Amino acid sequence: VFDVDTPGGRVDSAVNIIRAIQNTQIPTIAFVNRQAISAGAMISIACNQIVMTSGGTIGDSAPVNIQGQEVGEKAISYIQGTIRATAERENRNPDIAEAMVDKELVLVKLNDGQIIKLLPEEYAAREETGEEMEILCAQGKLLTLSTQQALEYEFADAQAETLTELLAQYEIVEVAGTKLPLTEEDIMQRQREYGVSQVNRLKSLVDASVTKVRTTLADRIVFFITNPFISSLLLSLGLLGIFIEVRSPGFGVPGLLGILCVGLFFGGHMLTRIDAGWAFLLFLLGIALIALEVFVIPGFGIAGILGIIMMLGSVFFVFDGAYNLRTAVLWLSISVIMTSALAILAVFILPETPIFQRFALSTVMDADLGYHSSSPEDFQAYLGQSGTALTPLRPAGTAKIGDKRVDVVTVGDFIHANRRIRVVEVEGPKVFVEAVEDS
């Protein structure tokens, strides 16, 4: 029994719930406890039975965007087809269901009691012939039914004020191999339809034990983390933290925050989908390849490109599994744009602000204060001079030339410490040396 009281929600989530309901072999009842609007109506229509409280409403399922504005014809057509097919599956009038989505239709009741949808031109043509019709929903409006209207139009199956009252009205029965929640009147009807003389009543719901599934604190936390906006924000902050950590010496707060945010992003989705763990491993492998490219392999090549592809692919896999393809591409794009914007902010803009400059070393090594830097001409003076390697040159190291310690690079084989060396080339501040055979 689904206790439905909602003004609506995400369409893709509603479609996933509908599929789950349709795939179950358990009889389902939608208990519309006040309102089933938009996505709530779609979910209720997918159930085997609809029971409504007095003063309840169901309908108005036209999709809207995040700003509450109407979406395009393509999205409306998709929802229209989905809700019609769902209604047909449960032997409900599909025209009534469509009128909840498409405001261009006219829903009418004919003299014989039949309720059908008409296009505006079809309605006008019938009206010209003098055919009498009762308009249930005019063009330009979306259909919303009250409890009494839903019962009158046979769109809802029963009325109950409480869950206990609902259970008292129903029994689970098996007709032609199918388990259904039916009232006594429905049972007699099925007997006439299928020619069943006796119906096997498997279990009465009158004395059934009721287990209420409630949202726990852990569920709320997971729902919050897997919200597409929060997921994108966590991912962007995580990548930003890792980016700043790579640019900074040592390991500090940005790296810890980056790891935490990325862990929350993948961890939240792993609690809802086991296969999200593979995406996390793919993401880690992508980071490893990029780190290999940055710290080990010179330049930027195949390893770096593969790393980026793996990271983006893992994130897309998570978004695609949680939402539909279009939504996955949208939120992945938002994450990339948000990360890029935050990186630019962190590298170029924030360091110039007064707050961040308080943490920056602003000392200037001015000549007036006694600081002096070597000019290229100073290094040229070492050309041809001899000295001693103070450290192993592999190939870089330190040598003593005259009475000064100089950073040098060997142009040949590695040179052991304490070996004699001679400067053979100078390029700007770079001093190149070779070993000198001891005489």
Protein backbone atom coordinates (compact mmCIF):
# COMPACT_ATOMS: atom_id res chain seq x y z
CA VAL A 1 0.00 0.00 0.00
CA PHE A 2 1.46 3.33 -1.09
CA ASP A 3 0.38 6.20 1.17
CA VAL A 4 0.31 9.04 -1.37
CA ASP A 5 0.12 12.68 -0.32
CA THR A 6 2.30 14.76 -2.63
CA PRO A 7 2.12 17.83 -4.88
CA GLY A 8 4.55 16.18 -7.30
CA GLY A 9 8.26 15.59 -7.87
CA ARG A 10 10.88 14.63 -10.41
CA VAL A 11 9.50 12.96 -13.54
CA ASP A 12 12.46 10.59 -13.98
CA SER A 13 12.10 9.42 -10.37
CA ALA A 14 8.38 8.87 -10.90
CA VAL A 15 9.05 6.79 -14.03
CA ASN A 16 11.55 4.65 -12.10
CA ILE A 17 8.98 4.08 -9.34
CA ILE A 18 6.35 3.17 -11.94
CA ARG A 19 8.68 0.58 -13.46
CA ALA A 20 9.41 -0.89 -10.03
CA ILE A 21 5.67 -1.15 -9.30
CA GLN A 22 4.94 -2.76 -12.65
CA ASN A 23 7.76 -5.28 -12.23
CA THR A 24 6.60 -6.51 -8.82
CA GLN A 25 4.33 -9.53 -8.45
CA ILE A 26 2.89 -8.15 -5.23
CA PRO A 27 -0.61 -6.60 -5.43
CA THR A 28 -0.38 -2.82 -5.04
CA ILE A 29 -2.83 -0.21 -3.76
CA ALA A 30 -2.38 3.56 -3.95
CA PHE A 31 -3.97 5.19 -0.91
CA VAL A 32 -4.41 8.81 -2.00
CA ASN A 33 -4.39 10.44 1.40
CA ARG A 34 -5.46 13.95 0.36
CA GLN A 35 -3.57 14.65 -2.91
CA ALA A 36 -1.81 12.84 -5.74
CA ILE A 37 -0.73 15.63 -8.06
CA SER A 38 1.71 15.49 -10.99
CA ALA A 39 4.20 12.65 -10.39
CA GLY A 40 2.00 11.44 -7.51
CA ALA A 41 -0.86 10.85 -9.95
CA MET A 42 1.40 8.90 -12.32
CA ILE A 43 2.57 6.63 -9.50
CA SER A 44 -0.99 6.09 -8.24
CA ILE A 45 -2.23 5.15 -11.71
CA ALA A 46 0.47 2.45 -11.89
CA CYS A 47 -0.98 0.63 -8.86
CA ASN A 48 -3.56 -2.16 -9.19
CA GLN A 49 -6.11 -0.19 -7.16
CA ILE A 50 -6.62 3.47 -6.26
CA VAL A 51 -8.31 4.31 -2.96
CA MET A 52 -8.94 7.95 -2.07
CA THR A 53 -9.93 9.76 1.09
CA SER A 54 -12.87 12.15 1.07
CA GLY A 55 -11.82 15.55 -0.24
CA GLY A 56 -8.84 14.06 -2.08
CA THR A 57 -7.57 15.09 -5.51
CA ILE A 58 -5.65 13.37 -8.30
CA GLY A 59 -4.35 14.73 -11.63
CA ASP A 60 -2.53 17.78 -13.05
CA SER A 61 0.48 15.80 -14.32
CA ALA A 62 1.91 18.21 -16.89
CA PRO A 63 5.72 18.35 -16.56
CA VAL A 64 7.39 21.64 -15.63
CA ASN A 65 11.03 22.68 -15.35
CA ILE A 66 12.87 23.70 -12.20
CA GLN A 67 11.49 27.25 -12.51
CA GLY A 68 7.93 25.93 -12.66
CA GLN A 69 7.54 26.79 -16.34
CA GLU A 70 6.03 24.51 -18.97
CA VAL A 71 8.47 22.26 -20.82
CA GLY A 72 8.64 21.56 -24.55
CA GLU A 73 6.35 19.43 -26.67
CA LYS A 74 8.83 16.54 -26.69
CA ALA A 75 8.76 16.15 -22.90
CA ILE A 76 4.96 16.49 -22.80
CA SER A 77 4.60 13.81 -25.48
CA TYR A 78 6.84 11.45 -23.48
CA ILE A 79 4.85 11.90 -20.26
CA GLN A 80 1.57 11.69 -22.18
CA GLY A 81 2.56 8.35 -23.68
CA THR A 82 3.84 7.04 -20.35
CA ILE A 83 0.72 7.91 -18.38
CA ARG A 84 -1.56 6.56 -21.12
CA ALA A 85 0.28 3.23 -21.28
CA THR A 86 0.24 3.01 -17.48
CA ALA A 87 -3.51 3.59 -17.36
CA GLU A 88 -4.16 1.03 -20.09
CA ARG A 89 -2.11 -1.56 -18.20
CA GLU A 90 -4.43 -1.24 -15.19
CA ASN A 91 -7.65 -1.07 -17.27
CA ARG A 92 -8.26 2.59 -16.51
CA ASN A 93 -9.60 5.07 -19.05
CA PRO A 94 -6.42 6.28 -20.83
CA ASP A 95 -8.22 9.36 -22.17
CA ILE A 96 -8.79 10.58 -18.61
CA ALA A 97 -5.10 10.02 -17.86
CA GLU A 98 -4.02 11.95 -20.97
CA ALA A 99 -6.23 14.90 -20.05
CA MET A 100 -4.15 15.23 -16.87
CA VAL A 101 -1.07 15.95 -19.02
CA ASP A 102 -2.19 17.65 -22.26
CA LYS A 103 -4.17 20.87 -21.87
CA GLU A 104 -4.86 20.99 -25.62
CA LEU A 105 -7.36 18.14 -25.31
CA VAL A 106 -11.07 18.41 -24.55
CA LEU A 107 -12.40 15.65 -22.26
CA VAL A 108 -16.13 15.00 -22.72
CA LYS A 109 -18.79 12.62 -21.47
CA LEU A 110 -21.16 11.33 -24.15
CA ASN A 111 -24.83 10.55 -23.68
CA ASP A 112 -24.07 6.84 -23.38
CA GLY A 113 -21.76 7.57 -20.41
CA GLN A 114 -18.55 7.04 -22.36
CA ILE A 115 -15.72 9.44 -21.50
CA ILE A 116 -13.41 10.28 -24.40
CA LYS A 117 -10.81 12.85 -25.38
CA LEU A 118 -11.28 15.11 -28.41
CA LEU A 119 -9.04 17.51 -30.23
CA PRO A 120 -10.47 21.05 -30.35
CA GLU A 121 -11.43 20.70 -34.03
CA GLU A 122 -13.08 17.32 -33.37
CA TYR A 123 -15.11 18.83 -30.55
CA ALA A 124 -16.16 21.75 -32.73
CA ALA A 125 -17.24 19.39 -35.53
CA ARG A 126 -19.36 17.28 -33.18
CA GLU A 127 -20.88 20.37 -31.62
CA GLU A 128 -21.95 21.63 -35.05
CA THR A 129 -23.87 18.42 -35.63
CA GLY A 130 -25.83 19.06 -32.46
CA GLU A 131 -24.36 16.14 -30.52
CA GLU A 132 -24.87 16.58 -26.79
CA MET A 133 -21.71 16.28 -24.74
CA GLU A 134 -20.78 17.20 -21.19
CA ILE A 135 -17.39 18.89 -20.97
CA LEU A 136 -15.39 17.42 -18.11
CA CYS A 137 -12.20 19.34 -18.91
CA ALA A 138 -12.10 22.21 -21.38
CA GLN A 139 -9.23 23.09 -23.71
CA GLY A 140 -6.48 25.01 -21.95
CA LYS A 141 -6.97 23.28 -18.62
CA LEU A 142 -5.42 20.21 -17.00
CA LEU A 143 -7.72 17.61 -15.51
CA THR A 144 -7.77 17.24 -11.73
CA LEU A 145 -10.37 14.91 -10.23
CA SER A 146 -11.90 15.03 -6.79
CA THR A 147 -12.55 11.80 -4.92
CA GLN A 148 -16.22 11.75 -5.95
CA GLN A 149 -15.38 12.49 -9.59
CA ALA A 150 -12.70 9.79 -9.68
CA LEU A 151 -15.18 7.26 -8.30
CA GLU A 152 -17.96 8.42 -10.63
CA TYR A 153 -15.71 8.14 -13.69
CA GLU A 154 -14.45 4.75 -12.45
CA PHE A 155 -10.89 6.04 -12.34
CA ALA A 156 -10.58 5.30 -8.60
CA ASP A 157 -11.75 2.02 -7.10
CA ALA A 158 -12.82 2.81 -3.54
CA GLN A 159 -12.96 5.38 -0.78
CA ALA A 160 -11.49 5.02 2.71
CA GLU A 161 -10.56 7.48 5.43
CA THR A 162 -7.84 5.44 7.14
CA LEU A 163 -5.46 2.63 6.29
CA THR A 164 -7.37 0.32 8.65
CA GLU A 165 -10.60 1.06 6.81
CA LEU A 166 -8.86 0.44 3.50
CA LEU A 167 -7.54 -2.96 4.59
CA ALA A 168 -10.98 -3.96 5.86
CA GLN A 169 -12.41 -3.45 2.36
CA TYR A 170 -9.94 -5.66 0.52
CA GLU A 171 -8.89 -9.25 0.21
CA ILE A 172 -6.02 -10.66 -1.81
CA VAL A 173 -7.45 -13.14 -4.29
CA GLU A 174 -6.11 -15.14 -7.20
CA VAL A 175 -8.02 -15.05 -10.47
CA ALA A 176 -6.73 -16.83 -13.56
CA GLY A 177 -3.29 -17.16 -11.95
CA THR A 178 -2.98 -13.45 -11.15
CA LYS A 179 -2.96 -12.09 -7.61
CA LEU A 180 -5.08 -8.96 -7.27
CA PRO A 181 -6.46 -6.79 -4.45
CA LEU A 182 -10.21 -6.85 -5.06
CA THR A 183 -13.42 -5.86 -3.30
CA GLU A 184 -16.27 -8.34 -3.04
CA GLU A 185 -18.01 -6.65 -5.97
CA ASP A 186 -14.81 -6.97 -8.05
CA ILE A 187 -14.57 -10.64 -7.17
CA MET A 188 -18.07 -11.31 -8.47
CA GLN A 189 -17.27 -9.36 -11.65
CA ARG A 190 -14.09 -11.39 -12.21
CA GLN A 191 -16.02 -14.59 -11.67
CA ARG A 192 -18.44 -13.60 -14.42
CA GLU A 193 -15.63 -12.51 -16.76
CA TYR A 194 -13.41 -15.54 -16.32
CA GLY A 195 -16.13 -18.09 -15.65
CA VAL A 196 -14.51 -18.97 -12.34
CA SER A 197 -16.96 -20.74 -10.06
CA GLN A 198 -14.84 -20.41 -6.97
CA VAL A 199 -12.11 -17.91 -6.19
CA ASN A 200 -9.14 -19.00 -4.12
CA ARG A 201 -8.87 -16.41 -1.37
CA LEU A 202 -5.26 -16.61 -0.34
CA LYS A 203 -5.14 -14.12 2.50
CA SER A 204 -7.56 -11.70 4.08
CA LEU A 205 -6.25 -8.22 4.76
CA VAL A 206 -8.72 -7.54 7.58
CA ASP A 207 -6.38 -8.87 10.30
CA ALA A 208 -3.14 -8.24 8.40
CA SER A 209 -0.11 -6.98 10.32
CA VAL A 210 0.93 -3.54 9.12
CA THR A 211 4.60 -2.65 8.68
CA LYS A 212 5.18 1.02 7.98
CA VAL A 213 8.30 1.89 6.00
CA ARG A 214 9.55 5.26 7.21
CA THR A 215 12.40 7.44 6.03
CA THR A 216 15.30 7.20 8.49
CA LEU A 217 17.95 9.82 9.21
CA ALA A 218 20.44 7.77 7.16
CA ASP A 219 17.97 7.76 4.25
CA ARG A 220 17.61 11.53 4.45
CA ILE A 221 21.38 11.99 4.43
CA VAL A 222 21.74 9.74 1.38
CA PHE A 223 18.88 11.54 -0.39
CA PHE A 224 20.58 14.86 0.36
CA ILE A 225 23.98 13.74 -0.92
CA THR A 226 22.54 12.18 -4.09
CA ASN A 227 20.52 15.27 -4.93
CA PRO A 228 21.90 16.24 -8.36
CA PHE A 229 22.83 19.78 -7.29
CA ILE A 230 24.53 18.64 -4.07
CA SER A 231 26.30 15.83 -5.94
CA SER A 232 27.62 18.29 -8.53
CA LEU A 233 28.75 20.69 -5.79
CA LEU A 234 30.55 17.93 -3.87
CA LEU A 235 32.27 16.73 -7.02
CA SER A 236 33.36 20.25 -7.98
CA LEU A 237 34.71 21.02 -4.52
CA GLY A 238 36.47 17.66 -4.42
CA LEU A 239 38.21 18.19 -7.75
CA LEU A 240 39.08 21.76 -6.77
CA GLY A 241 40.68 20.55 -3.53
CA ILE A 242 42.74 17.95 -5.40
CA PHE A 243 43.76 20.57 -7.99
CA ILE A 244 44.95 23.02 -5.32
CA GLU A 245 46.79 20.22 -3.49
CA VAL A 246 48.68 19.25 -6.64
CA ARG A 247 49.76 22.88 -7.13
CA SER A 248 50.89 23.24 -3.52
CA PRO A 249 53.88 21.67 -1.77
CA GLY A 250 53.23 19.03 0.86
CA PHE A 251 49.78 17.79 1.84
CA GLY A 252 47.25 19.93 3.65
CA VAL A 253 43.65 21.01 4.15
CA PRO A 254 42.68 21.33 0.43
CA GLY A 255 43.72 17.73 -0.21
CA LEU A 256 41.80 16.43 2.82
CA LEU A 257 38.67 18.38 1.86
CA GLY A 258 39.01 17.21 -1.75
CA ILE A 259 39.22 13.56 -0.73
CA LEU A 260 36.29 14.02 1.68
CA CYS A 261 34.04 15.63 -0.95
CA VAL A 262 34.86 13.03 -3.62
CA GLY A 263 34.32 10.28 -1.05
CA LEU A 264 30.90 11.69 -0.13
CA PHE A 265 29.96 11.95 -3.80
CA PHE A 266 30.75 8.33 -4.61
CA GLY A 267 29.84 6.99 -1.16
CA GLY A 268 26.33 8.44 -1.27
CA HIS A 269 25.64 6.88 -4.66
CA MET A 270 27.24 3.57 -3.61
CA LEU A 271 24.67 3.31 -0.81
CA THR A 272 21.90 3.47 -3.42
CA ARG A 273 23.66 1.49 -6.17
CA ILE A 274 26.23 -1.23 -5.60
CA ASP A 275 27.71 -0.87 -9.08
CA ALA A 276 28.72 2.72 -8.28
CA GLY A 277 31.74 1.15 -6.56
CA TRP A 278 33.20 0.29 -9.96
CA ALA A 279 32.88 3.95 -10.94
CA PHE A 280 34.83 4.95 -7.83
CA LEU A 281 37.65 2.53 -8.70
CA LEU A 282 37.69 3.91 -12.25
CA PHE A 283 37.91 7.44 -10.84
CA LEU A 284 40.87 6.49 -8.63
CA LEU A 285 42.60 4.87 -11.59
CA GLY A 286 42.10 8.08 -13.59
CA ILE A 287 43.68 10.15 -10.80
CA ALA A 288 46.60 7.71 -10.65
CA LEU A 289 47.22 8.07 -14.38
CA ILE A 290 47.13 11.86 -14.18
CA ALA A 291 49.52 11.81 -11.22
CA LEU A 292 51.83 9.53 -13.20
CA GLU A 293 51.72 11.98 -16.09
CA VAL A 294 52.44 14.99 -13.88
CA PHE A 295 55.16 13.62 -11.59
CA VAL A 296 56.83 10.83 -13.58
CA ILE A 297 56.32 11.07 -17.33
CA PRO A 298 57.56 14.31 -18.92
CA GLY A 299 55.05 16.29 -20.95
CA PHE A 300 51.39 15.41 -21.25
CA GLY A 301 50.35 12.42 -23.35
CA ILE A 302 48.32 9.23 -23.43
CA ALA A 303 48.34 8.57 -19.68
CA GLY A 304 46.99 12.02 -18.87
CA ILE A 305 44.31 11.86 -21.56
CA LEU A 306 43.21 8.39 -20.43
CA GLY A 307 43.11 9.62 -16.83
CA ILE A 308 40.80 12.51 -17.71
CA ILE A 309 38.55 10.21 -19.77
CA MET A 310 38.34 7.71 -16.90
CA MET A 311 37.47 10.39 -14.35
CA LEU A 312 34.77 11.94 -16.53
CA GLY A 313 33.48 8.50 -17.51
CA SER A 314 33.16 7.38 -13.90
CA VAL A 315 31.23 10.52 -12.95
CA PHE A 316 28.98 10.15 -16.00
CA PHE A 317 28.33 6.50 -15.03
CA VAL A 318 27.18 7.60 -11.57
CA PHE A 319 24.92 10.37 -12.92
CA ASP A 320 23.56 8.15 -15.71
CA GLY A 321 22.62 5.42 -13.23
CA ALA A 322 20.90 7.84 -10.88
CA TYR A 323 19.08 9.86 -13.55
CA ASN A 324 18.28 9.61 -17.23
CA LEU A 325 20.84 10.22 -20.01
CA ARG A 326 19.87 13.83 -20.64
CA THR A 327 19.99 14.69 -16.94
CA ALA A 328 23.33 12.90 -16.57
CA VAL A 329 24.90 14.95 -19.39
CA LEU A 330 23.43 18.15 -17.92
CA TRP A 331 24.80 17.64 -14.40
CA LEU A 332 28.16 16.36 -15.65
CA SER A 333 28.48 19.54 -17.72
CA ILE A 334 27.50 21.65 -14.73
CA SER A 335 30.16 19.91 -12.61
CA VAL A 336 32.88 20.54 -15.21
CA ILE A 337 31.90 24.20 -15.62
CA MET A 338 31.63 24.71 -11.85
CA THR A 339 35.04 23.10 -11.25
CA SER A 340 36.67 25.25 -13.94
CA ALA A 341 35.10 28.42 -12.55
CA LEU A 342 36.20 27.60 -8.98
CA ALA A 343 39.74 26.78 -10.17
CA ILE A 344 40.01 30.15 -11.94
CA LEU A 345 38.63 31.84 -8.84
CA ALA A 346 41.13 30.07 -6.57
CA VAL A 347 44.18 30.66 -8.77
CA PHE A 348 43.68 34.14 -10.19
CA ILE A 349 41.08 36.05 -8.18
CA LEU A 350 41.13 34.98 -4.52
CA PRO A 351 44.91 35.51 -4.07
CA GLU A 352 44.39 39.19 -4.93
CA THR A 353 41.76 39.77 -2.25
CA PRO A 354 42.77 41.46 1.05
CA ILE A 355 41.72 38.44 3.14
CA PHE A 356 43.92 35.98 1.26
CA GLN A 357 46.86 38.40 1.07
CA ARG A 358 47.07 38.25 4.86
CA PHE A 359 48.20 34.64 4.54
CA ALA A 360 50.70 35.31 1.73
CA LEU A 361 54.40 36.10 2.22
CA SER A 362 54.79 39.64 0.90
CA THR A 363 58.48 40.27 1.73
CA VAL A 364 60.34 41.74 -1.26
CA MET A 365 64.05 40.90 -1.71
CA ASP A 366 65.12 44.45 -2.56
CA ALA A 367 68.71 45.43 -3.28
CA ASP A 368 68.39 48.27 -0.76
CA LEU A 369 67.84 45.62 1.92
CA GLY A 370 71.02 43.80 0.98
CA TYR A 371 69.55 41.17 -1.37
CA HIS A 372 71.49 40.53 -4.55
CA SER A 373 70.79 38.04 -7.34
CA SER A 374 73.33 36.62 -9.76
CA SER A 375 73.21 37.86 -13.30
CA PRO A 376 73.87 35.65 -16.36
CA GLU A 377 77.28 37.38 -16.62
CA ASP A 378 78.15 36.12 -13.13
CA PHE A 379 77.55 32.52 -14.22
CA GLN A 380 79.60 33.03 -17.41
CA ALA A 381 82.62 33.63 -15.18
CA TYR A 382 82.55 29.95 -14.17
CA LEU A 383 83.19 28.79 -17.77
CA GLY A 384 86.44 26.82 -17.93
CA GLN A 385 87.00 26.82 -14.17
CA SER A 386 87.58 23.63 -12.21
CA GLY A 387 86.15 22.52 -8.91
CA THR A 388 85.03 19.59 -6.78
CA ALA A 389 81.68 17.77 -6.70
CA LEU A 390 80.29 18.18 -3.19
CA THR A 391 77.39 15.78 -3.87
CA PRO A 392 76.86 13.00 -6.39
CA LEU A 393 75.85 14.51 -9.75
CA ARG A 394 72.96 12.35 -11.04
CA PRO A 395 72.94 14.40 -13.22
CA ALA A 396 72.25 17.45 -11.03
CA GLY A 397 73.99 18.27 -7.80
CA THR A 398 76.23 20.77 -6.04
CA ALA A 399 79.87 21.55 -6.67
CA LYS A 400 82.44 23.90 -5.15
CA ILE A 401 84.00 26.21 -7.71
CA GLY A 402 86.53 28.55 -6.20
CA ASP A 403 85.10 29.44 -2.82
CA LYS A 404 81.40 29.19 -3.86
CA ARG A 405 78.79 26.43 -3.85
CA VAL A 406 77.18 26.21 -7.28
CA ASP A 407 74.26 24.10 -8.57
CA VAL A 408 75.56 22.19 -11.58
CA VAL A 409 74.47 19.51 -14.08
CA THR A 410 76.76 16.89 -15.60
CA VAL A 411 76.78 16.56 -19.39
CA GLY A 412 78.09 12.99 -19.39
CA ASP A 413 78.02 10.11 -16.98
CA PHE A 414 77.04 10.52 -13.36
CA ILE A 415 79.86 11.85 -11.20
CA HIS A 416 80.62 10.69 -7.67
CA ALA A 417 81.13 13.11 -4.82
CA ASN A 418 84.62 14.52 -4.23
CA ARG A 419 85.58 14.04 -7.89
CA ARG A 420 87.24 16.88 -9.77
CA ILE A 421 85.00 18.64 -12.33
CA ARG A 422 85.37 21.35 -14.97
CA VAL A 423 82.72 23.79 -16.26
CA VAL A 424 82.27 23.16 -19.99
CA GLU A 425 79.11 25.15 -20.75
CA VAL A 426 76.91 27.86 -19.24
CA GLU A 427 73.34 28.60 -20.34
CA GLY A 428 71.91 31.44 -18.31
CA PRO A 429 71.94 30.24 -14.70
CA LYS A 430 72.59 26.60 -15.71
CA VAL A 431 76.15 25.42 -15.26
CA PHE A 432 77.18 22.19 -17.05
CA VAL A 433 80.24 20.23 -15.96
CA GLU A 434 82.23 17.11 -16.81
CA ALA A 435 84.56 14.92 -14.81
CA VAL A 436 88.30 15.65 -14.83
CA GLU A 437 90.70 12.75 -14.54
CA ASP A 438 92.89 13.06 -11.48
CA SER A 439 96.53 13.55 -12.44
